[in-house]
Amino acid sequence: MSAKKTFIYAGIFIAGFIIISIWNFYRIIQPPHIDIPFEPEDFLLAAEDIEVIAEDGTRLAGWFIPAANDTKPKSAIIMLHGYPTEKSDMLSLAVPLHEDFALLLMDLRSFGESGGEFTTLGIKETGDLSQAVTYLSERGFDRIGVFGFSLGGGIALMAAAGDSRISAAASYASFSDLKTLGEETYRERLPVIHKALVELMLLWARAAFGESLTTKSPVRAAEKINIPVLIMHSNADTVIPPSHGAVIKNALSKNPRAEYYKIEGLLHGDIPRRAEDALAAFFEKTL
């Protein structure tokens, strides 16, 4: 093969690789949404449709659910769903929590009924969560907890590290950092080029969001969190491996109020009743 043909084929390969990386990045920030056909009334929950305005003007949809009892009148919990679902996914977990706590179930930007053209995978969503904290503060709540699943869990941890108004944080099946998760996700399918693919997608993220996805991460946030925090992860999670929970747990080693709850044998998103009880007990003693 001539040097000219080699150069042409190499150029085609590189161009194709870049196109694939852009397409993968686009699919990540604009994924097909999973619509969950449940409403609060399906769980006998009385909810008020509310709206929170993000710092960039994006309108974020939520459900405010008053506490069933008046035992903790100034305490509330914000609940964040995972990727790529919506706030309806939090309704079953809301049931045991609403007995004593007011709840705010939020649609992350670009999901459910919230505005926003795409998810920023935690960069803007961390600020969005702080705006939700402001909303509850203006309604008279001064003991505010946050709980998130998967992407929502990572956002909860990152916000808890920087917003002093958050009194307690709980996370279920959060990633430790997106670079590691990306490399793990593509390693089996693209064993030779997975790291290069992830590096390119991180480059596109910086161009699209104006900030690197590696600047902030749940594991870096965990090193700074000094409030009560609960980390929950299943040892059989194949979407976000349990190693991510272990890394976050280690990062919290200097926090005497950090707790870790291991779920046995369940897949990503499955949570047993005893874990629901542990979550409720955590907020009972910290809020």
C-alpha atoms as a PDB file:
ATOM      1  CA  MET A   1       0.000   0.000   0.000  1.00  0.00           C
ATOM      2  CA  SER A   2       1.343   3.408  -0.954  1.00  0.00           C
ATOM      3  CA  ALA A   3       1.994   6.088   1.615  1.00  0.00           C
ATOM      4  CA  LYS A   4      -0.752   8.194   0.025  1.00  0.00           C
ATOM      5  CA  LYS A   5      -3.374   5.444   0.460  1.00  0.00           C
ATOM      6  CA  THR A   6      -2.220   4.821   4.002  1.00  0.00           C
ATOM      7  CA  PHE A   7      -2.638   8.507   4.754  1.00  0.00           C
ATOM      8  CA  ILE A   8      -6.122   8.549   3.185  1.00  0.00           C
ATOM      9  CA  TYR A   9      -7.285   5.442   5.077  1.00  0.00           C
ATOM     10  CA  ALA A  10      -5.886   6.809   8.330  1.00  0.00           C
ATOM     11  CA  GLY A  11      -7.728  10.073   7.723  1.00  0.00           C
ATOM     12  CA  ILE A  12     -10.977   8.226   7.037  1.00  0.00           C
ATOM     13  CA  PHE A  13     -10.551   6.168  10.201  1.00  0.00           C
ATOM     14  CA  ILE A  14      -9.858   9.243  12.338  1.00  0.00           C
ATOM     15  CA  ALA A  15     -12.781  11.173  10.822  1.00  0.00           C
ATOM     16  CA  GLY A  16     -15.092   8.194  11.378  1.00  0.00           C
ATOM     17  CA  PHE A  17     -13.902   7.829  14.944  1.00  0.00           C
ATOM     18  CA  ILE A  18     -14.576  11.506  15.656  1.00  0.00           C
ATOM     19  CA  ILE A  19     -18.054  11.265  14.104  1.00  0.00           C
ATOM     20  CA  ILE A  20     -18.837   8.199  16.228  1.00  0.00           C
ATOM     21  CA  SER A  21     -17.681   9.994  19.369  1.00  0.00           C
ATOM     22  CA  ILE A  22     -19.867  13.024  18.570  1.00  0.00           C
ATOM     23  CA  TRP A  23     -22.856  10.775  17.902  1.00  0.00           C
ATOM     24  CA  ASN A  24     -22.319   8.901  21.163  1.00  0.00           C
ATOM     25  CA  PHE A  25     -22.047  12.171  23.080  1.00  0.00           C
ATOM     26  CA  TYR A  26     -25.255  13.453  21.476  1.00  0.00           C
ATOM     27  CA  ARG A  27     -27.097  10.251  22.413  1.00  0.00           C
ATOM     28  CA  ILE A  28     -25.892  10.597  26.009  1.00  0.00           C
ATOM     29  CA  ILE A  29     -27.059  14.183  26.490  1.00  0.00           C
ATOM     30  CA  GLN A  30     -30.322  13.636  24.580  1.00  0.00           C
ATOM     31  CA  PRO A  31     -31.283  10.036  25.389  1.00  0.00           C
ATOM     32  CA  PRO A  32     -34.672   8.471  24.647  1.00  0.00           C
ATOM     33  CA  HIS A  33     -36.740   9.222  27.724  1.00  0.00           C
ATOM     34  CA  ILE A  34     -38.384   6.526  29.798  1.00  0.00           C
ATOM     35  CA  ASP A  35     -41.924   7.670  30.540  1.00  0.00           C
ATOM     36  CA  ILE A  36     -43.355   6.243  33.747  1.00  0.00           C
ATOM     37  CA  PRO A  37     -47.182   6.251  33.665  1.00  0.00           C
ATOM     38  CA  PHE A  38     -47.770   6.986  37.351  1.00  0.00           C
ATOM     39  CA  GLU A  39     -49.174  10.015  39.105  1.00  0.00           C
ATOM     40  CA  PRO A  40     -49.086  10.872  42.834  1.00  0.00           C
ATOM     41  CA  GLU A  41     -52.741   9.892  43.239  1.00  0.00           C
ATOM     42  CA  ASP A  42     -51.860   6.353  42.138  1.00  0.00           C
ATOM     43  CA  PHE A  43     -49.927   6.137  45.420  1.00  0.00           C
ATOM     44  CA  LEU A  44     -52.550   8.045  47.434  1.00  0.00           C
ATOM     45  CA  LEU A  45     -50.275  11.080  47.605  1.00  0.00           C
ATOM     46  CA  ALA A  46     -51.680  14.595  47.442  1.00  0.00           C
ATOM     47  CA  ALA A  47     -49.302  16.640  45.314  1.00  0.00           C
ATOM     48  CA  GLU A  48     -49.074  20.244  44.181  1.00  0.00           C
ATOM     49  CA  ASP A  49     -47.582  20.994  40.766  1.00  0.00           C
ATOM     50  CA  ILE A  50     -44.781  23.518  41.270  1.00  0.00           C
ATOM     51  CA  GLU A  51     -42.100  25.163  39.174  1.00  0.00           C
ATOM     52  CA  VAL A  52     -38.528  26.107  40.023  1.00  0.00           C
ATOM     53  CA  ILE A  53     -36.585  28.511  37.829  1.00  0.00           C
ATOM     54  CA  ALA A  54     -32.938  27.556  37.260  1.00  0.00           C
ATOM     55  CA  GLU A  55     -30.188  30.156  37.255  1.00  0.00           C
ATOM     56  CA  ASP A  56     -30.146  30.143  33.444  1.00  0.00           C
ATOM     57  CA  GLY A  57     -33.927  30.585  33.273  1.00  0.00           C
ATOM     58  CA  THR A  58     -34.775  26.940  32.561  1.00  0.00           C
ATOM     59  CA  ARG A  59     -38.140  25.983  34.028  1.00  0.00           C
ATOM     60  CA  LEU A  60     -37.979  22.875  36.204  1.00  0.00           C
ATOM     61  CA  ALA A  61     -41.116  20.927  37.056  1.00  0.00           C
ATOM     62  CA  GLY A  62     -41.795  19.355  40.411  1.00  0.00           C
ATOM     63  CA  TRP A  63     -44.385  17.882  42.759  1.00  0.00           C
ATOM     64  CA  PHE A  64     -44.634  19.220  46.285  1.00  0.00           C
ATOM     65  CA  ILE A  65     -46.118  16.620  48.631  1.00  0.00           C
ATOM     66  CA  PRO A  66     -47.012  17.792  52.165  1.00  0.00           C
ATOM     67  CA  ALA A  67     -46.138  15.537  55.070  1.00  0.00           C
ATOM     68  CA  ALA A  68     -48.945  13.283  56.275  1.00  0.00           C
ATOM     69  CA  ASN A  69     -48.091  14.125  59.893  1.00  0.00           C
ATOM     70  CA  ASP A  70     -46.946  17.346  61.496  1.00  0.00           C
ATOM     71  CA  THR A  71     -44.105  15.819  63.494  1.00  0.00           C
ATOM     72  CA  LYS A  72     -41.368  17.635  61.543  1.00  0.00           C
ATOM     73  CA  PRO A  73     -43.069  20.792  60.251  1.00  0.00           C
ATOM     74  CA  LYS A  74     -39.849  22.505  59.117  1.00  0.00           C
ATOM     75  CA  SER A  75     -38.202  19.449  57.515  1.00  0.00           C
ATOM     76  CA  ALA A  76     -38.402  18.505  53.835  1.00  0.00           C
ATOM     77  CA  ILE A  77     -36.639  16.160  51.415  1.00  0.00           C
ATOM     78  CA  ILE A  78     -35.863  16.808  47.751  1.00  0.00           C
ATOM     79  CA  MET A  79     -35.942  13.630  45.644  1.00  0.00           C
ATOM     80  CA  LEU A  80     -34.112  13.299  42.311  1.00  0.00           C
ATOM     81  CA  HIS A  81     -34.639  10.523  39.783  1.00  0.00           C
ATOM     82  CA  GLY A  82     -32.041   8.726  37.700  1.00  0.00           C
ATOM     83  CA  TYR A  83     -31.063   8.826  34.028  1.00  0.00           C
ATOM     84  CA  PRO A  84     -33.107   8.837  31.794  1.00  0.00           C
ATOM     85  CA  THR A  85     -36.419   8.688  33.699  1.00  0.00           C
ATOM     86  CA  GLU A  86     -38.528  11.330  35.447  1.00  0.00           C
ATOM     87  CA  LYS A  87     -39.910  12.283  38.850  1.00  0.00           C
ATOM     88  CA  SER A  88     -42.631   9.599  38.677  1.00  0.00           C
ATOM     89  CA  ASP A  89     -39.883   7.051  39.299  1.00  0.00           C
ATOM     90  CA  MET A  90     -39.536   8.399  42.846  1.00  0.00           C
ATOM     91  CA  LEU A  91     -43.185   7.930  43.848  1.00  0.00           C
ATOM     92  CA  SER A  92     -42.855   4.471  45.400  1.00  0.00           C
ATOM     93  CA  LEU A  93     -39.951   5.697  47.561  1.00  0.00           C
ATOM     94  CA  ALA A  94     -41.922   8.818  48.459  1.00  0.00           C
ATOM     95  CA  VAL A  95     -44.634   6.784  50.200  1.00  0.00           C
ATOM     96  CA  PRO A  96     -42.667   5.782  53.329  1.00  0.00           C
ATOM     97  CA  LEU A  97     -41.004   9.214  53.549  1.00  0.00           C
ATOM     98  CA  HIS A  98     -44.106  11.399  53.306  1.00  0.00           C
ATOM     99  CA  GLU A  99     -45.466  10.223  56.639  1.00  0.00           C
ATOM    100  CA  ASP A 100     -43.167  12.626  58.466  1.00  0.00           C
ATOM    101  CA  PHE A 101     -41.588  14.785  55.759  1.00  0.00           C
ATOM    102  CA  ALA A 102     -42.732  17.207  53.137  1.00  0.00           C
ATOM    103  CA  LEU A 103     -41.299  16.085  49.798  1.00  0.00           C
ATOM    104  CA  LEU A 104     -40.270  17.823  46.606  1.00  0.00           C
ATOM    105  CA  LEU A 105     -39.938  15.463  43.639  1.00  0.00           C
ATOM    106  CA  MET A 106     -38.125  17.202  40.795  1.00  0.00           C
ATOM    107  CA  ASP A 107     -37.757  16.488  37.087  1.00  0.00           C
ATOM    108  CA  LEU A 108     -34.118  17.021  36.184  1.00  0.00           C
ATOM    109  CA  ARG A 109     -33.567  19.415  33.285  1.00  0.00           C
ATOM    110  CA  SER A 110     -34.560  17.989  29.887  1.00  0.00           C
ATOM    111  CA  PHE A 111     -36.457  15.112  31.550  1.00  0.00           C
ATOM    112  CA  GLY A 112     -40.141  14.736  32.323  1.00  0.00           C
ATOM    113  CA  GLU A 113     -41.927  18.083  32.262  1.00  0.00           C
ATOM    114  CA  SER A 114     -38.814  20.196  32.832  1.00  0.00           C
ATOM    115  CA  GLY A 115     -37.334  22.439  30.190  1.00  0.00           C
ATOM    116  CA  GLY A 116     -33.825  22.275  28.799  1.00  0.00           C
ATOM    117  CA  GLU A 117     -32.625  20.897  25.486  1.00  0.00           C
ATOM    118  CA  PHE A 118     -30.253  18.348  27.004  1.00  0.00           C
ATOM    119  CA  THR A 119     -28.899  16.996  30.258  1.00  0.00           C
ATOM    120  CA  THR A 120     -25.556  18.364  31.403  1.00  0.00           C
ATOM    121  CA  LEU A 121     -24.897  15.252  33.528  1.00  0.00           C
ATOM    122  CA  GLY A 122     -24.622  17.185  36.779  1.00  0.00           C
ATOM    123  CA  ILE A 123     -22.872  20.420  35.775  1.00  0.00           C
ATOM    124  CA  LYS A 124     -25.966  22.647  35.714  1.00  0.00           C
ATOM    125  CA  GLU A 125     -28.142  20.220  37.648  1.00  0.00           C
ATOM    126  CA  THR A 126     -26.142  20.830  40.826  1.00  0.00           C
ATOM    127  CA  GLY A 127     -27.154  24.479  40.676  1.00  0.00           C
ATOM    128  CA  ASP A 128     -30.706  23.454  39.784  1.00  0.00           C
ATOM    129  CA  LEU A 129     -30.864  21.478  43.032  1.00  0.00           C
ATOM    130  CA  SER A 130     -29.738  24.533  44.977  1.00  0.00           C
ATOM    131  CA  GLN A 131     -32.582  26.477  43.381  1.00  0.00           C
ATOM    132  CA  ALA A 132     -34.971  23.794  44.635  1.00  0.00           C
ATOM    133  CA  VAL A 133     -33.462  24.254  48.111  1.00  0.00           C
ATOM    134  CA  THR A 134     -34.180  27.981  47.791  1.00  0.00           C
ATOM    135  CA  TYR A 135     -37.778  27.195  46.844  1.00  0.00           C
ATOM    136  CA  LEU A 136     -38.261  25.132  50.011  1.00  0.00           C
ATOM    137  CA  SER A 137     -36.498  27.722  52.164  1.00  0.00           C
ATOM    138  CA  GLU A 138     -38.924  30.348  50.915  1.00  0.00           C
ATOM    139  CA  ARG A 139     -41.778  28.064  51.968  1.00  0.00           C
ATOM    140  CA  GLY A 140     -40.430  28.022  55.523  1.00  0.00           C
ATOM    141  CA  PHE A 141     -38.385  24.812  55.587  1.00  0.00           C
ATOM    142  CA  ASP A 142     -34.994  25.073  57.289  1.00  0.00           C
ATOM    143  CA  ARG A 143     -34.091  21.386  57.682  1.00  0.00           C
ATOM    144  CA  ILE A 144     -33.672  20.165  54.116  1.00  0.00           C
ATOM    145  CA  GLY A 145     -32.439  16.754  53.027  1.00  0.00           C
ATOM    146  CA  VAL A 146     -31.699  15.511  49.534  1.00  0.00           C
ATOM    147  CA  PHE A 147     -31.978  12.038  48.096  1.00  0.00           C
ATOM    148  CA  GLY A 148     -31.041  10.935  44.614  1.00  0.00           C
ATOM    149  CA  PHE A 149     -30.851   7.774  42.584  1.00  0.00           C
ATOM    150  CA  SER A 150     -28.049   7.133  40.064  1.00  0.00           C
ATOM    151  CA  LEU A 151     -27.436  10.460  38.265  1.00  0.00           C
ATOM    152  CA  GLY A 152     -29.716  12.080  40.846  1.00  0.00           C
ATOM    153  CA  GLY A 153     -27.558  10.596  43.591  1.00  0.00           C
ATOM    154  CA  GLY A 154     -24.418  12.082  42.126  1.00  0.00           C
ATOM    155  CA  ILE A 155     -26.112  15.473  41.884  1.00  0.00           C
ATOM    156  CA  ALA A 156     -27.274  15.194  45.510  1.00  0.00           C
ATOM    157  CA  LEU A 157     -23.711  14.565  46.701  1.00  0.00           C
ATOM    158  CA  MET A 158     -22.209  17.362  44.622  1.00  0.00           C
ATOM    159  CA  ALA A 159     -24.803  19.851  45.842  1.00  0.00           C
ATOM    160  CA  ALA A 160     -24.385  18.733  49.466  1.00  0.00           C
ATOM    161  CA  ALA A 161     -20.676  19.558  49.273  1.00  0.00           C
ATOM    162  CA  GLY A 162     -21.332  23.149  48.267  1.00  0.00           C
ATOM    163  CA  ASP A 163     -24.710  24.203  49.674  1.00  0.00           C
ATOM    164  CA  SER A 164     -24.631  24.711  53.451  1.00  0.00           C
ATOM    165  CA  ARG A 165     -28.443  24.794  53.611  1.00  0.00           C
ATOM    166  CA  ILE A 166     -28.563  21.036  52.966  1.00  0.00           C
ATOM    167  CA  SER A 167     -28.710  19.245  56.319  1.00  0.00           C
ATOM    168  CA  ALA A 168     -28.425  15.621  55.174  1.00  0.00           C
ATOM    169  CA  ALA A 169     -27.854  13.760  51.917  1.00  0.00           C
ATOM    170  CA  ALA A 170     -28.561  10.225  50.749  1.00  0.00           C
ATOM    171  CA  SER A 171     -27.524   8.605  47.492  1.00  0.00           C
ATOM    172  CA  TYR A 172     -28.450   5.281  45.919  1.00  0.00           C
ATOM    173  CA  ALA A 173     -26.338   3.784  43.102  1.00  0.00           C
ATOM    174  CA  SER A 174     -24.390   6.926  42.296  1.00  0.00           C
ATOM    175  CA  PHE A 175     -21.364   6.857  39.997  1.00  0.00           C
ATOM    176  CA  SER A 176     -18.105   8.032  41.554  1.00  0.00           C
ATOM    177  CA  ASP A 177     -16.971   9.956  38.466  1.00  0.00           C
ATOM    178  CA  LEU A 178     -18.146   9.996  34.872  1.00  0.00           C
ATOM    179  CA  LYS A 179     -14.756   9.364  33.279  1.00  0.00           C
ATOM    180  CA  THR A 180     -14.362   6.060  35.108  1.00  0.00           C
ATOM    181  CA  LEU A 181     -17.962   5.081  34.365  1.00  0.00           C
ATOM    182  CA  GLY A 182     -17.497   5.903  30.676  1.00  0.00           C
ATOM    183  CA  GLU A 183     -14.342   3.824  30.394  1.00  0.00           C
ATOM    184  CA  GLU A 184     -16.035   0.889  32.128  1.00  0.00           C
ATOM    185  CA  THR A 185     -19.091   1.175  29.877  1.00  0.00           C
ATOM    186  CA  TYR A 186     -17.132   1.089  26.608  1.00  0.00           C
ATOM    187  CA  ARG A 187     -14.288  -1.234  27.652  1.00  0.00           C
ATOM    188  CA  GLU A 188     -15.977  -4.500  26.660  1.00  0.00           C
ATOM    189  CA  ARG A 189     -17.392  -3.245  23.368  1.00  0.00           C
ATOM    190  CA  LEU A 190     -14.376  -1.196  22.285  1.00  0.00           C
ATOM    191  CA  PRO A 191     -11.439  -2.599  24.247  1.00  0.00           C
ATOM    192  CA  VAL A 192      -8.681  -0.911  22.236  1.00  0.00           C
ATOM    193  CA  ILE A 193     -10.137   2.556  21.762  1.00  0.00           C
ATOM    194  CA  HIS A 194     -12.475   2.993  24.746  1.00  0.00           C
ATOM    195  CA  LYS A 195     -10.215   5.436  26.572  1.00  0.00           C
ATOM    196  CA  ALA A 196      -9.716   7.592  23.486  1.00  0.00           C
ATOM    197  CA  LEU A 197     -13.477   7.598  22.881  1.00  0.00           C
ATOM    198  CA  VAL A 198     -14.158   8.774  26.426  1.00  0.00           C
ATOM    199  CA  GLU A 199     -11.499  11.493  26.197  1.00  0.00           C
ATOM    200  CA  LEU A 200     -13.099  12.820  23.014  1.00  0.00           C
ATOM    201  CA  MET A 201     -16.565  12.835  24.600  1.00  0.00           C
ATOM    202  CA  LEU A 202     -15.155  14.733  27.580  1.00  0.00           C
ATOM    203  CA  LEU A 203     -13.822  17.258  25.066  1.00  0.00           C
ATOM    204  CA  TRP A 204     -17.272  17.630  23.465  1.00  0.00           C
ATOM    205  CA  ALA A 205     -18.795  18.046  26.937  1.00  0.00           C
ATOM    206  CA  ARG A 206     -16.425  20.891  27.738  1.00  0.00           C
ATOM    207  CA  ALA A 207     -17.305  22.558  24.424  1.00  0.00           C
ATOM    208  CA  ALA A 208     -21.052  22.105  24.975  1.00  0.00           C
ATOM    209  CA  PHE A 209     -21.266  22.911  28.700  1.00  0.00           C
ATOM    210  CA  GLY A 210     -18.360  25.322  29.142  1.00  0.00           C
ATOM    211  CA  GLU A 211     -16.981  23.163  31.959  1.00  0.00           C
ATOM    212  CA  SER A 212     -15.202  19.841  32.227  1.00  0.00           C
ATOM    213  CA  LEU A 213     -17.132  16.846  33.528  1.00  0.00           C
ATOM    214  CA  THR A 214     -14.032  15.908  35.520  1.00  0.00           C
ATOM    215  CA  THR A 215     -13.876  19.178  37.477  1.00  0.00           C
ATOM    216  CA  LYS A 216     -16.725  18.114  39.747  1.00  0.00           C
ATOM    217  CA  SER A 217     -17.635  14.571  40.686  1.00  0.00           C
ATOM    218  CA  PRO A 218     -19.457  12.751  43.482  1.00  0.00           C
ATOM    219  CA  VAL A 219     -16.195  11.295  44.790  1.00  0.00           C
ATOM    220  CA  ARG A 220     -14.528  14.711  44.964  1.00  0.00           C
ATOM    221  CA  ALA A 221     -17.635  16.101  46.623  1.00  0.00           C
ATOM    222  CA  ALA A 222     -17.624  13.259  49.161  1.00  0.00           C
ATOM    223  CA  GLU A 223     -14.198  14.357  50.377  1.00  0.00           C
ATOM    224  CA  LYS A 224     -15.706  17.720  51.394  1.00  0.00           C
ATOM    225  CA  ILE A 225     -19.051  16.634  52.843  1.00  0.00           C
ATOM    226  CA  ASN A 226     -19.269  16.998  56.624  1.00  0.00           C
ATOM    227  CA  ILE A 227     -23.013  16.618  57.110  1.00  0.00           C
ATOM    228  CA  PRO A 228     -24.772  13.267  57.684  1.00  0.00           C
ATOM    229  CA  VAL A 229     -24.671  11.242  54.473  1.00  0.00           C
ATOM    230  CA  LEU A 230     -25.954   7.794  53.520  1.00  0.00           C
ATOM    231  CA  ILE A 231     -24.494   5.857  50.577  1.00  0.00           C
ATOM    232  CA  MET A 232     -26.526   2.902  49.262  1.00  0.00           C
ATOM    233  CA  HIS A 233     -25.354   0.512  46.548  1.00  0.00           C
ATOM    234  CA  SER A 234     -26.116  -3.023  45.419  1.00  0.00           C
ATOM    235  CA  ASN A 235     -23.277  -5.523  45.134  1.00  0.00           C
ATOM    236  CA  ALA A 236     -24.942  -6.879  41.961  1.00  0.00           C
ATOM    237  CA  ASP A 237     -25.409  -3.575  40.120  1.00  0.00           C
ATOM    238  CA  THR A 238     -24.248  -4.041  36.511  1.00  0.00           C
ATOM    239  CA  VAL A 239     -25.021  -0.499  35.314  1.00  0.00           C
ATOM    240  CA  ILE A 240     -23.004   1.364  37.924  1.00  0.00           C
ATOM    241  CA  PRO A 241     -20.743  -1.267  39.517  1.00  0.00           C
ATOM    242  CA  PRO A 242     -20.489  -1.471  43.315  1.00  0.00           C
ATOM    243  CA  SER A 243     -16.871  -0.319  43.059  1.00  0.00           C
ATOM    244  CA  HIS A 244     -18.249   3.205  42.573  1.00  0.00           C
ATOM    245  CA  GLY A 245     -20.059   3.030  45.903  1.00  0.00           C
ATOM    246  CA  ALA A 246     -16.910   1.694  47.556  1.00  0.00           C
ATOM    247  CA  VAL A 247     -14.823   4.581  46.193  1.00  0.00           C
ATOM    248  CA  ILE A 248     -17.334   7.123  47.497  1.00  0.00           C
ATOM    249  CA  LYS A 249     -17.400   5.320  50.845  1.00  0.00           C
ATOM    250  CA  ASN A 250     -13.614   5.611  51.091  1.00  0.00           C
ATOM    251  CA  ALA A 251     -13.770   9.299  50.207  1.00  0.00           C
ATOM    252  CA  LEU A 252     -16.122   9.791  53.166  1.00  0.00           C
ATOM    253  CA  SER A 253     -13.758   8.066  55.616  1.00  0.00           C
ATOM    254  CA  LYS A 254     -13.051  11.297  57.511  1.00  0.00           C
ATOM    255  CA  ASN A 255     -16.748  12.060  57.974  1.00  0.00           C
ATOM    256  CA  PRO A 256     -17.897  10.444  61.239  1.00  0.00           C
ATOM    257  CA  ARG A 257     -21.533  10.941  60.240  1.00  0.00           C
ATOM    258  CA  ALA A 258     -21.249   8.984  56.982  1.00  0.00           C
ATOM    259  CA  GLU A 259     -23.089   5.669  56.662  1.00  0.00           C
ATOM    260  CA  TYR A 260     -22.955   2.930  54.021  1.00  0.00           C
ATOM    261  CA  TYR A 261     -25.783   0.498  53.286  1.00  0.00           C
ATOM    262  CA  LYS A 262     -24.989  -2.466  51.037  1.00  0.00           C
ATOM    263  CA  ILE A 263     -27.893  -3.998  49.124  1.00  0.00           C
ATOM    264  CA  GLU A 264     -27.455  -7.674  48.362  1.00  0.00           C
ATOM    265  CA  GLY A 265     -28.018  -9.241  44.942  1.00  0.00           C
ATOM    266  CA  LEU A 266     -30.294  -6.671  43.303  1.00  0.00           C
ATOM    267  CA  LEU A 267     -29.946  -4.952  39.946  1.00  0.00           C
ATOM    268  CA  HIS A 268     -29.653  -1.220  39.283  1.00  0.00           C
ATOM    269  CA  GLY A 269     -32.786   0.511  40.506  1.00  0.00           C
ATOM    270  CA  ASP A 270     -34.145  -2.327  42.629  1.00  0.00           C
ATOM    271  CA  ILE A 271     -34.505  -1.411  46.268  1.00  0.00           C
ATOM    272  CA  PRO A 272     -35.880  -3.768  48.936  1.00  0.00           C
ATOM    273  CA  ARG A 273     -38.290  -2.717  51.656  1.00  0.00           C
ATOM    274  CA  ARG A 274     -35.596  -2.945  54.335  1.00  0.00           C
ATOM    275  CA  ALA A 275     -33.492  -0.439  52.386  1.00  0.00           C
ATOM    276  CA  GLU A 276     -36.508   1.888  52.146  1.00  0.00           C
ATOM    277  CA  ASP A 277     -36.833   1.601  55.917  1.00  0.00           C
ATOM    278  CA  ALA A 278     -33.126   2.380  56.322  1.00  0.00           C
ATOM    279  CA  LEU A 279     -33.523   5.483  54.168  1.00  0.00           C
ATOM    280  CA  ALA A 280     -36.503   6.674  56.198  1.00  0.00           C
ATOM    281  CA  ALA A 281     -34.656   5.982  59.470  1.00  0.00           C
ATOM    282  CA  PHE A 282     -31.637   7.960  58.238  1.00  0.00           C
ATOM    283  CA  PHE A 283     -33.707  11.069  57.593  1.00  0.00           C
ATOM    284  CA  GLU A 284     -35.667  10.584  60.818  1.00  0.00           C
ATOM    285  CA  LYS A 285     -32.503  10.937  62.864  1.00  0.00           C
ATOM    286  CA  THR A 286     -30.787  13.619  60.767  1.00  0.00           C
ATOM    287  CA  LEU A 287     -33.570  16.089  59.932  1.00  0.00           C
END
